[in-house]
Amino acid sequence: RLYELSTGYASFGRLIGLQTHRGVGYGRDMVNAAHTLLFDVYNYKMTIVGNLRINAPSRRSKLALGYELLNDRFLESIGITPNKEHEYYGFNRSDYQG
């Protein structure tokens, strides 16, 4: 699913259920498809995704794809109230190579 968080900022969800489907590139493919839609079609300036702080594999995946950890001050400046159980990552359109 794709959805707007704030003007210029959007998010998307991805879920790889079965363990046998993890680590084979499906998540990367979903992120690339989301970036194509959000940047090329809908013209957002950043995608923001959340992650449970205790989910280290998901964190590593986001960082490997070029996402950067966002601070609470930035999130609040665009109208997002951070949840202390989550961390939030952003990917700028300027870094998009689509």
N, C-alpha and C. Protein backbone atom coordinates (compact mmCIF):
# COMPACT_ATOMS: atom_id res chain seq x y z
N ARG A 1 0.84 -1.18 0.00
CA ARG A 1 0.00 0.00 0.00
C ARG A 1 0.89 1.24 0.00
N LEU A 2 0.45 2.27 -0.66
CA LEU A 2 1.13 3.56 -0.74
C LEU A 2 0.21 4.60 -0.12
N TYR A 3 0.76 5.52 0.66
CA TYR A 3 -0.09 6.55 1.25
C TYR A 3 0.71 7.80 1.60
N GLU A 4 0.01 8.92 1.56
CA GLU A 4 0.63 10.21 1.88
C GLU A 4 0.66 10.41 3.38
N LEU A 5 1.81 10.86 3.88
CA LEU A 5 1.96 11.20 5.29
C LEU A 5 1.75 12.68 5.52
N SER A 6 2.27 13.48 4.62
CA SER A 6 2.25 14.94 4.71
C SER A 6 2.53 15.43 3.29
N THR A 7 2.24 16.67 3.00
CA THR A 7 2.48 17.18 1.66
C THR A 7 3.95 16.96 1.27
N GLY A 8 4.16 16.24 0.19
CA GLY A 8 5.50 15.96 -0.31
C GLY A 8 6.14 14.70 0.26
N TYR A 9 5.51 14.08 1.23
CA TYR A 9 6.08 12.92 1.91
C TYR A 9 5.09 11.76 1.89
N ALA A 10 5.59 10.59 1.51
CA ALA A 10 4.72 9.42 1.42
C ALA A 10 5.39 8.21 2.04
N SER A 11 4.61 7.19 2.26
CA SER A 11 5.13 5.95 2.81
C SER A 11 4.51 4.78 2.06
N PHE A 12 5.01 3.61 2.35
CA PHE A 12 4.48 2.39 1.75
C PHE A 12 4.78 1.24 2.70
N GLY A 13 4.04 0.18 2.54
CA GLY A 13 4.26 -0.99 3.37
C GLY A 13 4.74 -2.15 2.53
N ARG A 14 5.55 -2.98 3.13
CA ARG A 14 5.99 -4.22 2.49
C ARG A 14 6.07 -5.29 3.56
N LEU A 15 5.77 -6.49 3.17
CA LEU A 15 5.80 -7.61 4.11
C LEU A 15 6.19 -8.86 3.36
N ILE A 16 7.25 -9.49 3.82
CA ILE A 16 7.67 -10.77 3.27
C ILE A 16 7.34 -11.79 4.35
N GLY A 17 6.34 -12.60 4.11
CA GLY A 17 5.83 -13.51 5.14
C GLY A 17 6.70 -14.72 5.41
N LEU A 18 6.79 -15.61 4.45
CA LEU A 18 7.49 -16.87 4.67
C LEU A 18 9.00 -16.67 4.74
N GLN A 19 9.63 -17.34 5.66
CA GLN A 19 11.08 -17.25 5.84
C GLN A 19 11.82 -17.63 4.54
N THR A 20 11.28 -18.57 3.79
CA THR A 20 11.93 -19.02 2.56
C THR A 20 11.96 -17.94 1.49
N HIS A 21 11.14 -16.90 1.63
CA HIS A 21 11.10 -15.82 0.66
C HIS A 21 11.92 -14.61 1.09
N ARG A 22 12.55 -14.71 2.25
CA ARG A 22 13.35 -13.60 2.76
C ARG A 22 14.79 -13.71 2.26
N GLY A 23 15.39 -12.56 2.01
CA GLY A 23 16.78 -12.54 1.60
C GLY A 23 17.03 -12.90 0.15
N VAL A 24 15.99 -12.94 -0.67
CA VAL A 24 16.17 -13.29 -2.08
C VAL A 24 15.88 -12.11 -3.02
N GLY A 25 15.60 -10.94 -2.49
CA GLY A 25 15.44 -9.75 -3.31
C GLY A 25 14.03 -9.26 -3.51
N TYR A 26 13.03 -9.94 -2.96
CA TYR A 26 11.65 -9.49 -3.14
C TYR A 26 11.41 -8.13 -2.48
N GLY A 27 11.96 -7.93 -1.30
CA GLY A 27 11.80 -6.65 -0.61
C GLY A 27 12.41 -5.51 -1.41
N ARG A 28 13.61 -5.73 -1.93
CA ARG A 28 14.27 -4.71 -2.75
C ARG A 28 13.42 -4.39 -3.98
N ASP A 29 12.86 -5.43 -4.60
CA ASP A 29 12.01 -5.21 -5.77
C ASP A 29 10.77 -4.39 -5.41
N MET A 30 10.18 -4.67 -4.25
CA MET A 30 9.00 -3.90 -3.81
C MET A 30 9.36 -2.45 -3.54
N VAL A 31 10.52 -2.22 -2.92
CA VAL A 31 10.96 -0.84 -2.66
C VAL A 31 11.18 -0.11 -3.97
N ASN A 32 11.83 -0.76 -4.92
CA ASN A 32 12.07 -0.11 -6.21
C ASN A 32 10.76 0.23 -6.92
N ALA A 33 9.78 -0.67 -6.85
CA ALA A 33 8.47 -0.40 -7.46
C ALA A 33 7.78 0.77 -6.76
N ALA A 34 7.85 0.80 -5.42
CA ALA A 34 7.25 1.91 -4.67
C ALA A 34 7.92 3.22 -5.02
N HIS A 35 9.25 3.23 -5.13
CA HIS A 35 9.97 4.45 -5.48
C HIS A 35 9.56 4.94 -6.87
N THR A 36 9.42 4.03 -7.81
CA THR A 36 9.00 4.42 -9.16
C THR A 36 7.65 5.13 -9.12
N LEU A 37 6.70 4.55 -8.42
CA LEU A 37 5.38 5.17 -8.32
C LEU A 37 5.43 6.50 -7.55
N LEU A 38 6.07 6.50 -6.39
CA LEU A 38 6.05 7.68 -5.53
C LEU A 38 6.86 8.84 -6.08
N PHE A 39 7.98 8.55 -6.74
CA PHE A 39 8.81 9.63 -7.27
C PHE A 39 8.47 9.99 -8.72
N ASP A 40 8.35 9.00 -9.58
CA ASP A 40 8.11 9.28 -11.00
C ASP A 40 6.66 9.63 -11.32
N VAL A 41 5.72 8.96 -10.68
CA VAL A 41 4.31 9.17 -11.00
C VAL A 41 3.69 10.25 -10.11
N TYR A 42 3.90 10.14 -8.80
CA TYR A 42 3.24 11.07 -7.86
C TYR A 42 4.11 12.24 -7.41
N ASN A 43 5.39 12.23 -7.78
CA ASN A 43 6.29 13.37 -7.56
C ASN A 43 6.51 13.74 -6.09
N TYR A 44 6.55 12.77 -5.19
CA TYR A 44 6.88 13.05 -3.78
C TYR A 44 8.35 13.38 -3.66
N LYS A 45 8.72 14.12 -2.61
CA LYS A 45 10.13 14.46 -2.43
C LYS A 45 10.86 13.50 -1.49
N MET A 46 10.11 12.71 -0.70
CA MET A 46 10.76 11.76 0.20
C MET A 46 9.79 10.63 0.53
N THR A 47 10.34 9.44 0.67
CA THR A 47 9.57 8.34 1.24
C THR A 47 10.07 8.13 2.66
N ILE A 48 9.14 7.87 3.55
CA ILE A 48 9.44 7.64 4.96
C ILE A 48 8.83 6.32 5.36
N VAL A 49 9.63 5.47 5.97
CA VAL A 49 9.14 4.16 6.42
C VAL A 49 9.51 3.96 7.89
N GLY A 50 8.64 3.28 8.60
CA GLY A 50 8.86 3.00 10.02
C GLY A 50 9.34 1.59 10.24
N ASN A 51 9.88 1.37 11.40
CA ASN A 51 10.46 0.09 11.74
C ASN A 51 10.41 -0.08 13.26
N LEU A 52 9.98 -1.24 13.73
CA LEU A 52 10.10 -1.49 15.17
C LEU A 52 11.57 -1.47 15.55
N ARG A 53 11.90 -0.79 16.62
CA ARG A 53 13.31 -0.69 17.04
C ARG A 53 13.96 -2.06 17.24
N ILE A 54 13.18 -3.05 17.64
CA ILE A 54 13.75 -4.37 17.91
C ILE A 54 13.92 -5.23 16.65
N ASN A 55 13.50 -4.74 15.49
CA ASN A 55 13.58 -5.51 14.26
C ASN A 55 14.86 -5.19 13.49
N ALA A 56 15.96 -5.78 13.92
CA ALA A 56 17.27 -5.50 13.32
C ALA A 56 17.35 -5.91 11.85
N PRO A 57 16.80 -7.06 11.43
CA PRO A 57 16.89 -7.40 10.00
C PRO A 57 16.21 -6.36 9.10
N SER A 58 15.07 -5.85 9.52
CA SER A 58 14.38 -4.83 8.73
C SER A 58 15.20 -3.54 8.69
N ARG A 59 15.82 -3.19 9.81
CA ARG A 59 16.68 -1.99 9.85
C ARG A 59 17.84 -2.14 8.86
N ARG A 60 18.50 -3.29 8.87
CA ARG A 60 19.63 -3.51 7.97
C ARG A 60 19.19 -3.43 6.51
N SER A 61 18.01 -3.96 6.22
CA SER A 61 17.48 -3.91 4.86
C SER A 61 17.27 -2.47 4.41
N LYS A 62 16.68 -1.66 5.25
CA LYS A 62 16.43 -0.26 4.90
C LYS A 62 17.74 0.49 4.67
N LEU A 63 18.70 0.30 5.55
CA LEU A 63 19.98 0.98 5.41
C LEU A 63 20.71 0.53 4.14
N ALA A 64 20.64 -0.76 3.83
CA ALA A 64 21.28 -1.28 2.62
C ALA A 64 20.66 -0.70 1.36
N LEU A 65 19.39 -0.31 1.43
CA LEU A 65 18.70 0.27 0.27
C LEU A 65 18.90 1.79 0.17
N GLY A 66 19.66 2.36 1.09
CA GLY A 66 19.96 3.79 1.02
C GLY A 66 19.12 4.68 1.91
N TYR A 67 18.27 4.10 2.75
CA TYR A 67 17.48 4.89 3.68
C TYR A 67 18.36 5.40 4.80
N GLU A 68 18.01 6.56 5.34
CA GLU A 68 18.75 7.16 6.46
C GLU A 68 17.81 7.35 7.64
N LEU A 69 18.34 7.15 8.82
CA LEU A 69 17.57 7.33 10.05
C LEU A 69 17.17 8.80 10.18
N LEU A 70 15.90 9.05 10.45
CA LEU A 70 15.39 10.42 10.62
C LEU A 70 15.26 10.75 12.10
N ASN A 71 15.48 12.01 12.44
CA ASN A 71 15.34 12.39 13.85
C ASN A 71 13.94 12.92 14.12
N ASP A 72 13.57 12.89 15.39
CA ASP A 72 12.23 13.30 15.80
C ASP A 72 11.92 14.74 15.42
N ARG A 73 12.90 15.61 15.51
CA ARG A 73 12.67 17.03 15.19
C ARG A 73 12.20 17.18 13.73
N PHE A 74 12.86 16.47 12.82
CA PHE A 74 12.45 16.53 11.41
C PHE A 74 11.04 15.98 11.25
N LEU A 75 10.77 14.82 11.83
CA LEU A 75 9.44 14.21 11.71
C LEU A 75 8.36 15.16 12.21
N GLU A 76 8.59 15.76 13.36
CA GLU A 76 7.60 16.70 13.92
C GLU A 76 7.42 17.91 13.03
N SER A 77 8.49 18.35 12.34
CA SER A 77 8.41 19.53 11.48
C SER A 77 7.50 19.31 10.27
N ILE A 78 7.28 18.04 9.90
CA ILE A 78 6.39 17.75 8.77
C ILE A 78 5.07 17.14 9.25
N GLY A 79 4.81 17.25 10.55
CA GLY A 79 3.52 16.85 11.10
C GLY A 79 3.39 15.39 11.49
N ILE A 80 4.50 14.70 11.66
CA ILE A 80 4.47 13.30 12.06
C ILE A 80 4.87 13.20 13.53
N THR A 81 4.04 12.55 14.32
CA THR A 81 4.35 12.34 15.74
C THR A 81 5.06 11.00 15.88
N PRO A 82 6.34 11.02 16.25
CA PRO A 82 7.09 9.77 16.38
C PRO A 82 6.55 8.89 17.51
N ASN A 83 6.66 7.61 17.32
CA ASN A 83 6.29 6.61 18.31
C ASN A 83 7.59 6.05 18.87
N LYS A 84 7.77 6.02 20.16
CA LYS A 84 9.04 5.63 20.78
C LYS A 84 9.41 4.16 20.56
N GLU A 85 8.44 3.33 20.16
CA GLU A 85 8.75 1.92 19.87
C GLU A 85 9.26 1.73 18.45
N HIS A 86 9.20 2.80 17.66
CA HIS A 86 9.59 2.73 16.26
C HIS A 86 10.75 3.68 15.97
N GLU A 87 11.43 3.40 14.89
CA GLU A 87 12.39 4.33 14.32
C GLU A 87 11.94 4.58 12.89
N TYR A 88 12.32 5.71 12.34
CA TYR A 88 11.81 6.13 11.04
C TYR A 88 12.99 6.44 10.11
N TYR A 89 12.85 6.00 8.88
CA TYR A 89 13.90 6.15 7.88
C TYR A 89 13.36 6.88 6.67
N GLY A 90 14.21 7.68 6.04
CA GLY A 90 13.79 8.43 4.87
C GLY A 90 14.70 8.19 3.69
N PHE A 91 14.12 8.31 2.50
CA PHE A 91 14.86 8.20 1.24
C PHE A 91 14.44 9.39 0.38
N ASN A 92 15.40 10.23 0.03
CA ASN A 92 15.13 11.45 -0.74
C ASN A 92 15.02 11.18 -2.23
N ARG A 93 14.12 11.90 -2.85
CA ARG A 93 13.99 11.81 -4.30
C ARG A 93 15.32 12.10 -5.00
N SER A 94 16.12 13.01 -4.46
CA SER A 94 17.40 13.36 -5.08
C SER A 94 18.38 12.18 -5.10
N ASP A 95 18.15 11.17 -4.27
CA ASP A 95 19.00 9.98 -4.25
C ASP A 95 18.45 8.86 -5.15
N TYR A 96 17.28 9.09 -5.70
CA TYR A 96 16.60 8.09 -6.53
C TYR A 96 17.28 7.98 -7.88
N GLN A 97 17.57 6.77 -8.30
CA GLN A 97 18.28 6.54 -9.56
C GLN A 97 17.37 5.96 -10.64
N GLY A 98 16.06 6.00 -10.44
CA GLY A 98 15.09 5.36 -11.33
C GLY A 98 15.23 5.74 -12.74
